[in-house]
Amino acid sequence: MRRIHWGRLFRRALAVCMAALAVWFLCLGGAAGAFAGAVRALGSSEAFVTAALRTELGYVEDDLPFLLRLAARESPLLSANLSREETTPPAETPSPSQEPLPDAQPAPDGDDMTAEPPQAVAPENIVERTLVPSESEGYVTGAGLYLYNRTDYAVDLPQTLAAALPFTLSPAADGPQILIIHTHATEAYTPDGEDTYVPSDNSRTVDQTQNMLRVGDEMEAVFTSMGLSVLHDRGLYDYPKYNGAYGRSGAAVAEYLAQYPTIKIVLDVHRDALVGSDGTVYKAVTTVDGIKTAQVLVVVGSETNELAHPDWRDNLALGLKVQKSLDTLFPTLARPITLRAAVYNQNLAPGSFLVEVGTHGNTLQEALAAARNFARSAGAVFLGLVAES
């Protein structure tokens, strides 16, 4: 005998009743406006939109109000990837590691301007970690976010997240909206399979198919497919000389901004390096849709005694919005956002931050998977900034 799915039957029966009731109201004539208003209200509900995005990824939020949860479940598009009898997050999402992070820090440092190139090691000697916080100690918390604050500035996360940005994006047809640049373009990953290269230094190469330019290409392709206009700079500002790279890339950013005033967002894309005090090499990795994926880290700079950067909170506001999108769409993809006492050329544009895609212990393919998912999440935020033409 065929099993009767009472839950499904109840939901669909209720949906039919609701549809019939809506038709009855429409037949009354005067209720048409009210019905349209209700539909608009549903579309503008942040909770429903978030649930719709999560459902597309495979599950519905359990704490969503009943009628909104019903709507999400009964949409054929949204429920295409949803098991009808299972609404828990995908099993492949790894549990956070409870072991201490390298050097026992709340979160490993981001890109250091004076860092020496890390030594490459054999893949079997690299330790995998999914770097997510297990407690709030050492972090600023709020609005569901964790901030590793390495400055003396006080940060209110809910207030900063909700802050309006001081710019909008022009339509893509008017010119480039996003600049992708790489201050350390020659940074590379652990050779794996066919992804090998001739090193120009430890864990670095000028081979554009294997270094950060390849990762930037992946982001550019996703942004472009979403309707955003991207300018991808391909300069090697850290080669042949590493020191002074930020000065050289900053000069290039200033020239681009003068030439293309439509650019409001500048992403300086790097990869991190995680080496413990005992010399252990770590790689930051998670799993997304069954694919091993490098974790990403958003790094925002602040004003220092040496360099003025009075509007750094604008950069932080954008970084937090992107972090929230990452945490919502791809839990564990992003490490906690970091605020550092350095400028990183972010005083040049109000929509600037660093993106660290994986570490030198990750493979290129893990980094490319991360780049695609980062661009999907960040692109959703950027599209919301496009001014209506």
Protein backbone atom coordinates (compact mmCIF):
# COMPACT_ATOMS: atom_id res chain seq x y z
CA MET A 1 0.00 0.00 0.00
CA ARG A 2 1.32 3.43 -0.88
CA ARG A 3 2.24 5.50 2.14
CA ILE A 4 0.20 8.65 2.75
CA HIS A 5 2.33 11.69 3.59
CA TRP A 6 -0.08 13.43 5.95
CA GLY A 7 2.18 16.47 6.43
CA ARG A 8 2.41 17.07 2.72
CA LEU A 9 -1.32 16.47 2.27
CA PHE A 10 -2.15 18.96 5.03
CA ARG A 11 0.13 21.64 3.61
CA ARG A 12 -1.27 21.34 0.13
CA ALA A 13 -4.85 21.23 1.33
CA LEU A 14 -4.26 24.36 3.34
CA ALA A 15 -2.59 26.00 0.33
CA VAL A 16 -5.63 25.15 -1.83
CA CYS A 17 -7.95 26.63 0.79
CA MET A 18 -5.88 29.79 0.96
CA ALA A 19 -5.92 30.08 -2.83
CA ALA A 20 -9.69 29.61 -2.93
CA LEU A 21 -10.10 32.24 -0.25
CA ALA A 22 -7.92 34.63 -2.21
CA VAL A 23 -10.02 34.09 -5.35
CA TRP A 24 -13.18 34.77 -3.34
CA PHE A 25 -11.73 38.05 -2.11
CA LEU A 26 -10.74 39.00 -5.61
CA CYS A 27 -14.26 38.30 -6.79
CA LEU A 28 -15.50 40.89 -4.35
CA GLY A 29 -13.58 43.47 -6.39
CA GLY A 30 -12.57 45.81 -3.60
CA ALA A 31 -10.18 43.31 -2.07
CA ALA A 32 -7.88 43.17 -5.10
CA GLY A 33 -5.72 46.01 -3.83
CA ALA A 34 -5.43 44.46 -0.40
CA PHE A 35 -4.40 41.12 -1.88
CA ALA A 36 -1.73 42.75 -4.04
CA GLY A 37 -0.48 44.59 -1.00
CA ALA A 38 -0.18 41.32 0.91
CA VAL A 39 1.87 39.81 -1.90
CA ARG A 40 4.15 42.84 -1.94
CA ALA A 41 4.56 42.61 1.81
CA LEU A 42 5.62 38.97 1.50
CA GLY A 43 8.25 39.88 -1.11
CA SER A 44 9.63 42.64 1.07
CA SER A 45 9.86 40.47 4.17
CA GLU A 46 13.53 40.07 5.08
CA ALA A 47 12.73 36.86 6.93
CA PHE A 48 10.99 35.34 3.91
CA VAL A 49 13.70 36.42 1.45
CA THR A 50 16.38 34.93 3.69
CA ALA A 51 14.37 31.73 4.04
CA ALA A 52 13.93 31.59 0.27
CA LEU A 53 17.68 31.81 -0.24
CA ARG A 54 18.34 29.17 2.40
CA THR A 55 15.65 26.91 0.92
CA GLU A 56 17.30 27.15 -2.48
CA LEU A 57 20.40 25.79 -0.77
CA GLY A 58 18.46 22.91 0.72
CA TYR A 59 16.61 23.74 3.94
CA VAL A 60 14.04 26.02 5.51
CA GLU A 61 14.56 27.99 8.72
CA ASP A 62 12.68 26.24 11.52
CA ASP A 63 11.88 29.50 13.33
CA LEU A 64 10.19 31.12 10.32
CA PRO A 65 6.52 32.01 10.93
CA PHE A 66 4.18 29.22 9.87
CA LEU A 67 2.61 30.84 6.80
CA LEU A 68 5.98 32.05 5.46
CA ARG A 69 7.45 28.58 5.99
CA LEU A 70 4.49 27.10 4.14
CA ALA A 71 5.01 29.46 1.22
CA ALA A 72 8.70 28.57 1.00
CA ARG A 73 7.98 24.83 1.11
CA GLU A 74 5.27 24.88 -1.53
CA SER A 75 7.31 26.83 -4.12
CA PRO A 76 8.51 24.31 -6.73
CA LEU A 77 11.57 26.45 -7.46
CA LEU A 78 12.61 26.92 -3.86
CA SER A 79 11.86 23.37 -2.79
CA ALA A 80 13.65 21.75 -5.74
CA ASN A 81 16.65 20.90 -3.56
CA LEU A 82 14.65 20.28 -0.39
CA SER A 83 13.98 16.80 0.90
CA ARG A 84 10.22 16.76 1.54
CA GLU A 85 10.53 15.14 4.94
CA GLU A 86 13.86 16.72 6.05
CA THR A 87 14.35 20.38 6.95
CA THR A 88 17.64 20.30 8.86
CA PRO A 89 20.83 21.89 7.45
CA PRO A 90 22.79 19.78 4.97
CA ALA A 91 24.75 17.00 6.61
CA GLU A 92 27.94 17.90 4.79
CA THR A 93 28.33 21.16 6.74
CA PRO A 94 31.21 20.31 9.09
CA SER A 95 31.06 20.85 12.82
CA PRO A 96 33.36 23.62 14.05
CA SER A 97 36.71 22.41 15.30
CA GLN A 98 36.98 22.62 19.08
CA GLU A 99 40.76 22.50 19.00
CA PRO A 100 42.71 25.72 19.58
CA LEU A 101 43.52 27.73 16.48
CA PRO A 102 47.16 28.32 15.51
CA ASP A 103 49.06 30.24 18.21
CA ALA A 104 45.90 30.05 20.39
CA GLN A 105 44.58 33.30 18.90
CA PRO A 106 40.81 33.94 18.65
CA ALA A 107 41.25 34.08 14.90
CA PRO A 108 44.47 33.93 12.86
CA ASP A 109 45.84 37.19 11.54
CA GLY A 110 45.00 38.40 8.10
CA ASP A 111 47.44 39.65 5.52
CA ASP A 112 50.62 41.14 7.03
CA MET A 113 52.39 43.82 5.04
CA THR A 114 55.86 42.60 6.11
CA ALA A 115 55.24 38.85 6.16
CA GLU A 116 57.97 36.59 4.81
CA PRO A 117 56.92 34.04 2.18
CA PRO A 118 55.83 30.84 3.95
CA GLN A 119 57.64 27.62 3.22
CA ALA A 120 55.79 25.09 1.09
CA VAL A 121 55.21 21.66 2.67
CA ALA A 122 53.97 18.32 1.41
CA PRO A 123 50.14 18.06 1.29
CA GLU A 124 50.14 15.12 3.73
CA ASN A 125 51.79 17.32 6.36
CA ILE A 126 49.15 20.07 6.20
CA VAL A 127 46.55 20.12 8.98
CA GLU A 128 42.96 20.93 8.00
CA ARG A 129 40.87 23.23 10.18
CA THR A 130 37.41 24.74 9.85
CA LEU A 131 38.06 28.05 11.57
CA VAL A 132 34.86 29.23 13.21
CA PRO A 133 34.42 30.62 16.74
CA SER A 134 33.06 28.26 19.37
CA GLU A 135 32.62 30.99 22.00
CA SER A 136 32.44 34.78 22.11
CA GLU A 137 35.62 35.32 24.14
CA GLY A 138 38.10 37.40 22.17
CA TYR A 139 35.48 38.70 19.75
CA VAL A 140 33.05 41.58 19.46
CA THR A 141 29.66 39.96 18.89
CA GLY A 142 26.23 41.17 17.82
CA ALA A 143 23.68 40.83 15.01
CA GLY A 144 24.74 37.19 14.68
CA LEU A 145 28.29 38.23 13.72
CA TYR A 146 31.75 37.78 15.21
CA LEU A 147 34.36 40.50 14.77
CA TYR A 148 38.01 39.94 15.62
CA ASN A 149 38.90 43.50 16.59
CA ARG A 150 42.65 44.10 16.62
CA THR A 151 42.30 47.86 17.16
CA ASP A 152 41.48 50.15 20.07
CA TYR A 153 38.28 51.35 18.38
CA ALA A 154 34.91 50.42 19.87
CA VAL A 155 32.53 48.81 17.37
CA ASP A 156 28.77 48.36 17.72
CA LEU A 157 28.06 45.54 15.28
CA PRO A 158 24.23 45.91 14.97
CA GLN A 159 24.55 49.67 14.48
CA THR A 160 27.37 49.38 11.95
CA LEU A 161 25.63 46.60 10.04
CA ALA A 162 22.47 48.70 9.75
CA ALA A 163 24.31 51.86 8.71
CA ALA A 164 23.50 53.30 5.28
CA LEU A 165 26.42 53.28 2.86
CA PRO A 166 27.57 56.65 1.47
CA PHE A 167 27.39 55.51 -2.15
CA THR A 168 25.33 53.69 -4.72
CA LEU A 169 26.49 51.84 -7.81
CA SER A 170 25.78 53.19 -11.27
CA PRO A 171 24.16 50.77 -13.76
CA ALA A 172 26.69 48.40 -15.29
CA ALA A 173 26.24 49.98 -18.70
CA ASP A 174 27.71 53.24 -17.39
CA GLY A 175 31.12 51.74 -16.58
CA PRO A 176 32.92 49.38 -14.21
CA GLN A 177 31.39 49.17 -10.73
CA ILE A 178 33.93 46.88 -9.06
CA LEU A 179 37.72 46.87 -9.18
CA ILE A 180 39.50 43.61 -8.36
CA ILE A 181 43.18 44.11 -7.64
CA HIS A 182 45.90 41.98 -6.07
CA THR A 183 48.59 43.71 -4.03
CA HIS A 184 50.26 40.29 -3.70
CA ALA A 185 49.29 38.75 -7.02
CA THR A 186 52.02 36.09 -7.01
CA GLU A 187 50.70 34.37 -3.88
CA ALA A 188 49.94 30.72 -4.70
CA TYR A 189 48.62 27.53 -3.14
CA THR A 190 49.88 24.03 -2.42
CA PRO A 191 50.54 22.18 -5.70
CA ASP A 192 48.03 19.39 -6.20
CA GLY A 193 47.26 17.14 -9.18
CA GLU A 194 47.61 19.13 -12.40
CA ASP A 195 47.81 22.43 -10.48
CA THR A 196 51.57 22.76 -10.36
CA TYR A 197 53.83 25.73 -11.02
CA VAL A 198 57.38 26.98 -11.14
CA PRO A 199 57.82 29.02 -7.95
CA SER A 200 59.12 32.58 -8.05
CA ASP A 201 59.55 32.40 -4.27
CA ASN A 202 58.21 30.21 -1.47
CA SER A 203 54.51 29.56 -2.18
CA ARG A 204 54.52 32.20 -4.93
CA THR A 205 54.54 32.13 -8.70
CA VAL A 206 54.20 34.48 -11.67
CA ASP A 207 52.13 31.82 -13.46
CA GLN A 208 48.79 33.59 -13.89
CA THR A 209 46.92 30.29 -14.08
CA GLN A 210 48.11 29.34 -10.59
CA ASN A 211 48.32 32.56 -8.56
CA MET A 212 45.81 35.12 -7.29
CA LEU A 213 45.00 36.36 -10.78
CA ARG A 214 43.31 33.01 -11.44
CA VAL A 215 41.23 33.44 -8.28
CA GLY A 216 40.28 36.97 -9.34
CA ASP A 217 39.24 35.65 -12.76
CA GLU A 218 36.82 33.29 -11.03
CA MET A 219 35.26 36.12 -9.02
CA GLU A 220 35.04 38.31 -12.10
CA ALA A 221 33.18 35.59 -14.02
CA VAL A 222 30.57 35.20 -11.27
CA PHE A 223 30.07 38.94 -10.79
CA THR A 224 29.70 39.40 -14.55
CA SER A 225 27.15 36.59 -14.78
CA MET A 226 25.11 38.43 -12.12
CA GLY A 227 25.04 41.60 -14.23
CA LEU A 228 27.78 43.51 -12.42
CA SER A 229 30.57 45.29 -14.29
CA VAL A 230 34.11 44.42 -13.19
CA LEU A 231 37.57 45.76 -13.96
CA HIS A 232 40.22 43.16 -13.06
CA ASP A 233 43.73 44.59 -12.70
CA ARG A 234 46.47 42.10 -13.60
CA GLY A 235 49.53 43.91 -12.29
CA LEU A 236 52.18 42.01 -10.29
CA TYR A 237 52.85 44.61 -7.60
CA ASP A 238 54.81 42.18 -5.43
CA TYR A 239 57.21 41.04 -8.17
CA PRO A 240 60.12 41.21 -8.61
CA LYS A 241 60.20 43.25 -5.37
CA TYR A 242 57.87 42.33 -2.49
CA ASN A 243 58.45 45.29 -0.17
CA GLY A 244 56.45 48.36 -1.11
CA ALA A 245 53.71 46.39 -2.87
CA TYR A 246 50.91 48.32 -1.13
CA GLY A 247 52.36 51.62 -2.28
CA ARG A 248 52.46 50.42 -5.88
CA SER A 249 48.96 48.89 -5.84
CA GLY A 250 47.58 52.01 -4.11
CA ALA A 251 48.89 54.22 -6.90
CA ALA A 252 47.16 51.96 -9.43
CA VAL A 253 43.86 52.12 -7.49
CA ALA A 254 44.01 55.93 -7.43
CA GLU A 255 44.54 56.02 -11.21
CA TYR A 256 41.62 53.67 -11.84
CA LEU A 257 39.29 55.71 -9.61
CA ALA A 258 40.22 58.90 -11.47
CA GLN A 259 39.71 57.23 -14.85
CA TYR A 260 36.50 55.38 -13.93
CA PRO A 261 34.43 57.36 -11.40
CA THR A 262 31.78 54.60 -11.57
CA ILE A 263 34.06 52.32 -9.50
CA LYS A 264 32.87 52.37 -5.88
CA ILE A 265 33.95 48.92 -4.67
CA VAL A 266 37.60 47.84 -4.52
CA LEU A 267 38.42 44.24 -3.59
CA ASP A 268 42.07 43.48 -2.87
CA VAL A 269 42.16 39.69 -3.21
CA HIS A 270 44.88 37.68 -1.45
CA ARG A 271 45.41 34.32 0.16
CA ASP A 272 46.41 33.97 3.82
CA ALA A 273 49.17 31.89 5.41
CA LEU A 274 48.59 29.95 8.65
CA VAL A 275 51.67 28.58 10.38
CA GLY A 276 51.62 27.58 14.04
CA SER A 277 54.35 28.51 16.49
CA ASP A 278 55.64 24.94 16.18
CA GLY A 279 55.90 25.23 12.39
CA THR A 280 52.68 23.32 11.65
CA VAL A 281 51.05 24.46 8.41
CA TYR A 282 47.26 24.73 8.53
CA LYS A 283 44.70 25.13 5.80
CA ALA A 284 41.29 26.68 6.38
CA VAL A 285 38.71 24.46 4.73
CA THR A 286 35.01 23.65 4.82
CA THR A 287 32.55 21.79 2.59
CA VAL A 288 29.90 23.43 0.42
CA ASP A 289 27.47 21.26 -1.55
CA GLY A 290 29.79 18.30 -1.08
CA ILE A 291 32.81 20.18 -2.45
CA LYS A 292 35.88 20.82 -0.32
CA THR A 293 36.21 24.58 -0.23
CA ALA A 294 38.74 27.02 1.21
CA GLN A 295 37.44 29.42 3.83
CA VAL A 296 37.53 33.15 3.13
CA LEU A 297 38.42 36.04 5.42
CA VAL A 298 37.25 39.64 5.07
CA VAL A 299 39.81 42.11 6.46
CA VAL A 300 38.93 45.77 7.05
CA GLY A 301 41.50 48.43 7.87
CA SER A 302 41.19 51.44 10.16
CA GLU A 303 42.83 54.80 10.79
CA THR A 304 46.29 54.72 12.33
CA ASN A 305 48.66 57.27 13.83
CA GLU A 306 50.63 57.22 10.59
CA LEU A 307 47.82 57.32 8.01
CA ALA A 308 44.49 59.17 8.03
CA HIS A 309 41.42 57.11 7.27
CA PRO A 310 38.47 58.88 8.94
CA ASP A 311 35.81 57.01 6.94
CA TRP A 312 36.95 53.48 7.76
CA ARG A 313 33.56 52.65 9.32
CA ASP A 314 32.01 52.90 5.85
CA ASN A 315 34.31 50.11 4.70
CA LEU A 316 33.44 48.13 7.81
CA ALA A 317 29.70 48.59 7.19
CA LEU A 318 30.05 47.11 3.70
CA GLY A 319 32.30 44.34 4.98
CA LEU A 320 29.74 43.39 7.64
CA LYS A 321 26.93 43.29 5.08
CA VAL A 322 29.00 40.93 2.93
CA GLN A 323 29.92 38.85 6.00
CA LYS A 324 26.24 38.55 6.92
CA SER A 325 25.43 37.37 3.41
CA LEU A 326 28.25 34.81 3.55
CA ASP A 327 27.12 33.50 6.94
CA THR A 328 23.52 33.26 5.74
CA LEU A 329 24.07 31.55 2.41
CA PHE A 330 27.15 29.44 3.14
CA PRO A 331 27.60 28.81 6.87
CA THR A 332 31.27 28.15 7.81
CA LEU A 333 32.56 29.48 4.46
CA ALA A 334 33.77 32.68 6.11
CA ARG A 335 36.11 33.02 9.04
CA PRO A 336 35.19 35.84 11.46
CA ILE A 337 35.64 39.27 9.87
CA THR A 338 38.77 41.04 11.10
CA LEU A 339 39.36 44.75 11.85
CA ARG A 340 43.04 45.70 11.83
CA ALA A 341 45.17 48.72 12.67
CA ALA A 342 46.38 49.25 9.10
CA VAL A 343 44.93 51.13 6.14
CA TYR A 344 45.64 48.74 3.19
CA ASN A 345 44.74 51.52 0.68
CA GLN A 346 41.15 51.37 1.89
CA ASN A 347 41.13 55.13 2.42
CA LEU A 348 40.88 55.52 -1.36
CA ALA A 349 37.28 54.28 -1.78
CA PRO A 350 34.36 53.86 0.64
CA GLY A 351 33.67 50.31 -0.52
CA SER A 352 37.09 48.72 0.00
CA PHE A 353 38.28 45.67 1.89
CA LEU A 354 40.69 42.75 1.62
CA VAL A 355 39.50 39.25 0.79
CA GLU A 356 41.77 36.41 1.89
CA VAL A 357 40.79 33.32 -0.13
CA GLY A 358 42.12 30.30 1.73
CA THR A 359 45.70 29.86 2.90
CA HIS A 360 48.90 28.67 1.27
CA GLY A 361 48.05 25.18 2.57
CA ASN A 362 44.87 25.03 0.47
CA THR A 363 44.81 23.78 -3.11
CA LEU A 364 43.94 26.00 -6.05
CA GLN A 365 40.70 24.10 -6.67
CA GLU A 366 39.61 24.67 -3.06
CA ALA A 367 40.37 28.37 -3.52
CA LEU A 368 38.43 28.60 -6.78
CA ALA A 369 35.38 27.01 -5.16
CA ALA A 370 35.64 29.59 -2.37
CA ALA A 371 36.00 32.44 -4.86
CA ARG A 372 32.80 31.43 -6.66
CA ASN A 373 30.78 31.20 -3.46
CA PHE A 374 32.20 34.44 -2.10
CA ALA A 375 31.29 36.24 -5.32
CA ARG A 376 27.73 34.87 -5.23
CA SER A 377 27.26 36.10 -1.67
CA ALA A 378 28.98 39.47 -2.11
CA GLY A 379 27.36 39.98 -5.50
CA ALA A 380 23.91 39.77 -3.92
CA VAL A 381 24.90 42.64 -1.61
CA PHE A 382 26.42 44.69 -4.43
CA LEU A 383 23.34 44.30 -6.62
CA GLY A 384 21.31 45.85 -3.82
CA LEU A 385 23.49 48.97 -4.12
CA VAL A 386 22.80 49.57 -7.81
CA ALA A 387 20.85 52.82 -8.26
CA GLU A 388 17.69 52.61 -10.33
CA SER A 389 18.22 54.10 -13.77
